[in-house]
Amino acid sequence: MSNQLNLDADLKFAASTPDDSQSLDFDSEEFRQYAGTGFNEHGVRPNTDEDGNIESVDVVYEAMQPGPPKRRNGVRITENFLRNLSDKDYTQKPPHLLDHKSKETFANIGNVREIWFSEQAEKLALMVRVPNTGGPTHNEAIARYTHEPPAIRNGSVGLGNNYEAIRNDDGEPEIKDGKLREFSAVNFPGGYDEGGVSAAFAEAASDAITEFDDEAHADESTEDEASENSAADNDFSVETEELTF
């Protein structure tokens, strides 16, 4: 039987800008390789022209860490999965949206410029960029990001249905692979107190495991019945032969 889980739920997990207890080291060679320099303590970097006018704003987010189901809202998250996610081809930069559900053109306020698995912090990290287009939506986002402290601190990494989920050998739902579809700002923390993985996805994964086990139990029952019937047929055959003899 295949271990593949068929889930009809979008995969999202939490991200947040660094705080005083940040684990990303802005001075590390690794960080500079992916994001560069010039970030403040909140992981925000305004990019300006020669006159000091903001052309765009870059913001660093710390995202998912590997962890067992009890720490990841019932879903096993592995380092291998996070590496696979970050190693995908993102030539077409995923959008930075106001909301995962936003379908309007004006909901797109930027894009994801970099995504990597940080060896130093042992977690997924990404950098988003909001260009200064002069439009009200972008101006508002830039104003909130550059506020001291930033008025936007929480985000959500969205894969949509671009993922592979399985039931592992321990019977746990586990994400094996995936690709980032979008990044969204959110108004509330969706952090690791709740496991980081969205509740809707975690519930769907749990239900899928239950259905998986029910199907396996049904298959075992069918096999047992078939075995009993076969044994009964053999018994009947033996008895008939004895009577004939």
Protein backbone atom coordinates (compact mmCIF):
# COMPACT_ATOMS: atom_id res chain seq x y z
CA MET A 1 0.00 0.00 0.00
CA SER A 2 1.28 3.47 -0.88
CA ASN A 3 2.25 5.77 1.98
CA GLN A 4 1.11 8.81 -0.01
CA LEU A 5 -1.47 11.01 1.71
CA ASN A 6 -4.05 12.67 -0.51
CA LEU A 7 -4.82 15.99 1.15
CA ASP A 8 -7.20 18.67 -0.06
CA ALA A 9 -5.67 21.42 2.07
CA ASP A 10 -3.21 24.22 1.38
CA LEU A 11 0.04 24.00 3.32
CA LYS A 12 1.03 27.16 5.18
CA PHE A 13 3.41 27.71 8.06
CA ALA A 14 4.47 30.62 10.18
CA ALA A 15 7.31 33.08 9.78
CA SER A 16 8.35 36.15 11.75
CA THR A 17 10.86 38.96 11.58
CA PRO A 18 13.83 38.62 13.97
CA ASP A 19 13.50 39.97 17.51
CA ASP A 20 15.87 40.46 20.41
CA SER A 21 16.32 36.68 20.66
CA GLN A 22 17.02 36.33 16.95
CA SER A 23 18.83 33.21 15.86
CA LEU A 24 19.88 34.50 12.43
CA ASP A 25 23.32 36.07 12.66
CA PHE A 26 23.31 39.11 10.35
CA ASP A 27 27.12 39.25 10.52
CA SER A 28 27.65 35.63 9.46
CA GLU A 29 29.16 34.82 6.09
CA GLU A 30 26.15 32.66 5.29
CA PHE A 31 23.67 35.47 5.90
CA ARG A 32 25.68 37.94 3.84
CA GLN A 33 25.89 35.43 1.00
CA TYR A 34 22.10 35.27 0.70
CA ALA A 35 20.85 38.63 1.97
CA GLY A 36 23.80 40.99 2.00
CA THR A 37 24.42 43.70 4.60
CA GLY A 38 22.76 46.85 5.90
CA PHE A 39 19.88 45.35 7.92
CA ASN A 40 18.76 46.86 11.20
CA GLU A 41 18.10 44.81 14.32
CA HIS A 42 14.60 43.95 13.04
CA GLY A 43 15.87 42.52 9.76
CA VAL A 44 14.76 45.50 7.65
CA ARG A 45 16.89 47.24 5.00
CA PRO A 46 15.68 50.29 3.06
CA ASN A 47 17.34 50.53 -0.35
CA THR A 48 17.78 54.17 -1.33
CA ASP A 49 18.94 56.17 -4.33
CA GLU A 50 21.69 58.80 -4.29
CA ASP A 51 19.28 61.36 -2.85
CA GLY A 52 18.22 59.10 0.00
CA ASN A 53 14.79 58.28 -1.45
CA ILE A 54 13.57 54.77 -0.71
CA GLU A 55 13.48 52.65 -3.87
CA SER A 56 12.56 49.41 -2.12
CA VAL A 57 12.62 47.69 1.25
CA ASP A 58 14.08 44.25 1.99
CA VAL A 59 12.83 42.29 5.00
CA VAL A 60 14.22 39.06 6.44
CA TYR A 61 11.94 36.44 7.96
CA GLU A 62 12.77 33.43 10.09
CA ALA A 63 10.52 30.50 9.24
CA MET A 64 10.15 26.79 9.93
CA GLN A 65 12.52 24.60 11.93
CA PRO A 66 12.64 20.79 11.84
CA GLY A 67 10.61 19.14 14.57
CA PRO A 68 8.49 16.12 15.62
CA PRO A 69 4.67 16.13 15.44
CA LYS A 70 4.27 17.13 19.11
CA ARG A 71 6.14 20.38 18.34
CA ARG A 72 4.79 20.96 14.83
CA ASN A 73 1.05 20.73 15.34
CA GLY A 74 0.84 17.00 14.60
CA VAL A 75 3.01 17.01 11.46
CA ARG A 76 6.66 15.90 11.22
CA ILE A 77 8.87 18.52 9.62
CA THR A 78 12.34 17.33 8.61
CA GLU A 79 15.50 19.18 7.70
CA ASN A 80 15.52 17.29 4.40
CA PHE A 81 12.09 18.71 3.51
CA LEU A 82 13.19 22.27 4.30
CA ARG A 83 16.33 21.83 2.23
CA ASN A 84 14.30 20.46 -0.68
CA LEU A 85 11.96 23.44 -0.41
CA SER A 86 14.77 25.99 -0.45
CA ASP A 87 16.67 24.26 -3.29
CA LYS A 88 13.84 24.58 -5.82
CA ASP A 89 14.16 26.82 -8.89
CA TYR A 90 12.73 30.21 -7.99
CA THR A 91 13.76 32.05 -11.13
CA GLN A 92 10.20 33.37 -11.22
CA LYS A 93 10.15 35.06 -7.83
CA PRO A 94 7.13 34.02 -5.69
CA PRO A 95 4.88 36.98 -4.87
CA HIS A 96 4.68 38.73 -1.52
CA LEU A 97 0.95 39.15 -0.93
CA LEU A 98 -1.15 41.02 1.58
CA ASP A 99 -3.11 37.81 2.22
CA HIS A 100 -3.01 34.21 0.98
CA LYS A 101 -6.62 34.54 -0.14
CA SER A 102 -6.06 37.77 -2.07
CA LYS A 103 -6.69 37.38 -5.81
CA GLU A 104 -6.61 41.06 -6.72
CA THR A 105 -3.66 42.50 -8.63
CA PHE A 106 -3.18 45.18 -5.96
CA ALA A 107 -2.73 42.50 -3.29
CA ASN A 108 0.73 41.77 -4.73
CA ILE A 109 3.12 44.12 -2.93
CA GLY A 110 6.47 42.54 -3.79
CA ASN A 111 8.24 39.22 -4.11
CA VAL A 112 10.46 36.71 -2.38
CA ARG A 113 14.04 37.47 -3.38
CA GLU A 114 15.88 34.77 -1.44
CA ILE A 115 15.00 31.55 0.36
CA TRP A 116 17.53 29.30 2.08
CA PHE A 117 18.00 26.76 4.84
CA SER A 118 20.25 28.43 7.38
CA GLU A 119 22.99 26.13 8.64
CA GLN A 120 23.80 28.67 11.32
CA ALA A 121 20.23 28.98 12.66
CA GLU A 122 19.02 25.50 11.62
CA LYS A 123 15.83 26.86 10.12
CA LEU A 124 14.29 28.10 6.89
CA ALA A 125 14.90 31.78 6.16
CA LEU A 126 13.75 34.12 3.42
CA MET A 127 14.05 37.70 2.28
CA VAL A 128 11.19 39.61 0.70
CA ARG A 129 11.34 42.88 -1.22
CA VAL A 130 8.68 45.58 -1.49
CA PRO A 131 9.39 48.06 -4.31
CA ASN A 132 8.42 51.69 -3.92
CA THR A 133 6.01 52.01 -6.84
CA GLY A 134 4.37 55.13 -5.45
CA GLY A 135 1.07 53.32 -5.07
CA PRO A 136 -0.85 53.53 -1.78
CA THR A 137 -0.64 49.80 -1.02
CA HIS A 138 3.12 49.68 -1.46
CA ASN A 139 3.57 52.94 0.45
CA GLU A 140 1.60 51.54 3.35
CA ALA A 141 3.62 48.31 3.41
CA ILE A 142 6.92 50.23 3.29
CA ALA A 143 5.77 52.56 6.06
CA ARG A 144 4.82 49.62 8.25
CA TYR A 145 8.05 47.73 7.61
CA THR A 146 10.28 50.76 8.24
CA HIS A 147 8.45 51.83 11.40
CA GLU A 148 10.45 51.45 14.64
CA PRO A 149 9.70 48.71 15.56
CA PRO A 150 8.10 47.34 12.38
CA ALA A 151 4.31 47.28 12.37
CA ILE A 152 4.43 44.05 10.34
CA ARG A 153 6.23 41.31 12.26
CA ASN A 154 4.41 38.13 11.23
CA GLY A 155 4.21 36.31 7.93
CA SER A 156 3.07 33.04 6.42
CA VAL A 157 4.92 30.80 3.96
CA GLY A 158 2.39 29.37 1.51
CA LEU A 159 2.91 26.27 -0.62
CA GLY A 160 -0.69 25.86 -1.74
CA ASN A 161 -0.99 22.25 -2.87
CA ASN A 162 2.61 22.17 -4.15
CA TYR A 163 3.79 19.54 -1.67
CA GLU A 164 4.15 15.81 -1.10
CA ALA A 165 2.87 14.35 2.16
CA ILE A 166 3.22 10.77 3.35
CA ARG A 167 2.53 8.57 6.33
CA ASN A 168 6.01 7.64 7.55
CA ASP A 169 7.08 4.34 9.11
CA ASP A 170 6.03 5.58 12.54
CA GLY A 171 2.51 6.30 11.31
CA GLU A 172 2.98 10.08 11.39
CA PRO A 173 2.00 12.61 8.72
CA GLU A 174 5.23 13.94 7.23
CA ILE A 175 5.99 16.49 4.52
CA LYS A 176 8.56 15.10 2.08
CA ASP A 177 8.83 17.81 -0.55
CA GLY A 178 7.30 21.06 -1.73
CA LYS A 179 7.75 24.40 -3.46
CA LEU A 180 6.99 27.90 -2.24
CA ARG A 181 3.99 29.45 -3.99
CA GLU A 182 3.74 32.78 -2.15
CA PHE A 183 4.56 34.66 1.01
CA SER A 184 1.89 36.58 2.88
CA ALA A 185 1.86 39.12 5.67
CA VAL A 186 -0.50 38.29 8.52
CA ASN A 187 -1.97 40.34 11.34
CA PHE A 188 -1.38 37.82 14.12
CA PRO A 189 1.35 35.42 15.22
CA GLY A 190 1.07 31.90 13.83
CA GLY A 191 4.20 30.74 15.54
CA TYR A 192 5.60 27.68 17.16
CA ASP A 193 3.33 27.78 20.18
CA GLU A 194 0.82 26.27 17.76
CA GLY A 195 3.46 24.24 15.94
CA GLY A 196 4.02 26.62 13.08
CA VAL A 197 1.93 24.54 10.65
CA SER A 198 -1.53 25.94 9.91
CA ALA A 199 -4.32 24.32 11.92
CA ALA A 200 -6.43 23.53 8.84
CA PHE A 201 -3.59 21.60 7.23
CA ALA A 202 -2.70 19.79 10.47
CA GLU A 203 -6.34 18.71 10.89
CA ALA A 204 -6.53 17.48 7.29
CA ALA A 205 -3.30 15.51 7.73
CA SER A 206 -4.59 13.93 10.93
CA ASP A 207 -7.87 12.96 9.24
CA ALA A 208 -5.94 11.49 6.31
CA ILE A 209 -3.91 9.31 8.69
CA THR A 210 -7.14 8.07 10.30
CA GLU A 211 -8.60 7.23 6.88
CA PHE A 212 -5.32 5.57 5.93
CA ASP A 213 -5.44 3.37 9.04
CA ASP A 214 -9.13 2.55 8.48
CA GLU A 215 -8.38 1.43 4.93
CA ALA A 216 -5.45 -0.66 6.14
CA HIS A 217 -7.66 -2.25 8.79
CA ALA A 218 -10.32 -2.98 6.18
CA ASP A 219 -7.71 -4.59 3.93
CA GLU A 220 -6.46 -6.74 6.81
CA SER A 221 -10.03 -7.82 7.60
CA THR A 222 -10.58 -8.78 3.97
CA GLU A 223 -7.35 -10.78 3.95
CA ASP A 224 -8.35 -12.53 7.20
CA GLU A 225 -11.78 -13.41 5.78
CA ALA A 226 -10.20 -14.69 2.59
CA SER A 227 -7.78 -16.80 4.63
CA GLU A 228 -10.61 -18.22 6.76
CA ASN A 229 -12.68 -19.03 3.68
CA SER A 230 -9.70 -20.71 2.09
CA ALA A 231 -9.12 -22.76 5.22
CA ALA A 232 -12.79 -23.69 5.36
CA ASP A 233 -12.70 -24.81 1.72
CA ASN A 234 -9.67 -26.95 2.44
CA ASP A 235 -11.40 -28.50 5.44
CA PHE A 236 -14.45 -29.24 3.35
CA SER A 237 -12.31 -30.79 0.64
CA VAL A 238 -10.56 -33.03 3.15
CA GLU A 239 -13.84 -34.18 4.66
CA THR A 240 -15.27 -34.96 1.24
CA GLU A 241 -12.22 -36.98 0.31
CA GLU A 242 -12.50 -38.92 3.53
CA LEU A 243 -16.18 -39.66 2.88
CA THR A 244 -15.46 -40.71 -0.65
CA PHE A 245 -12.64 -42.95 0.46
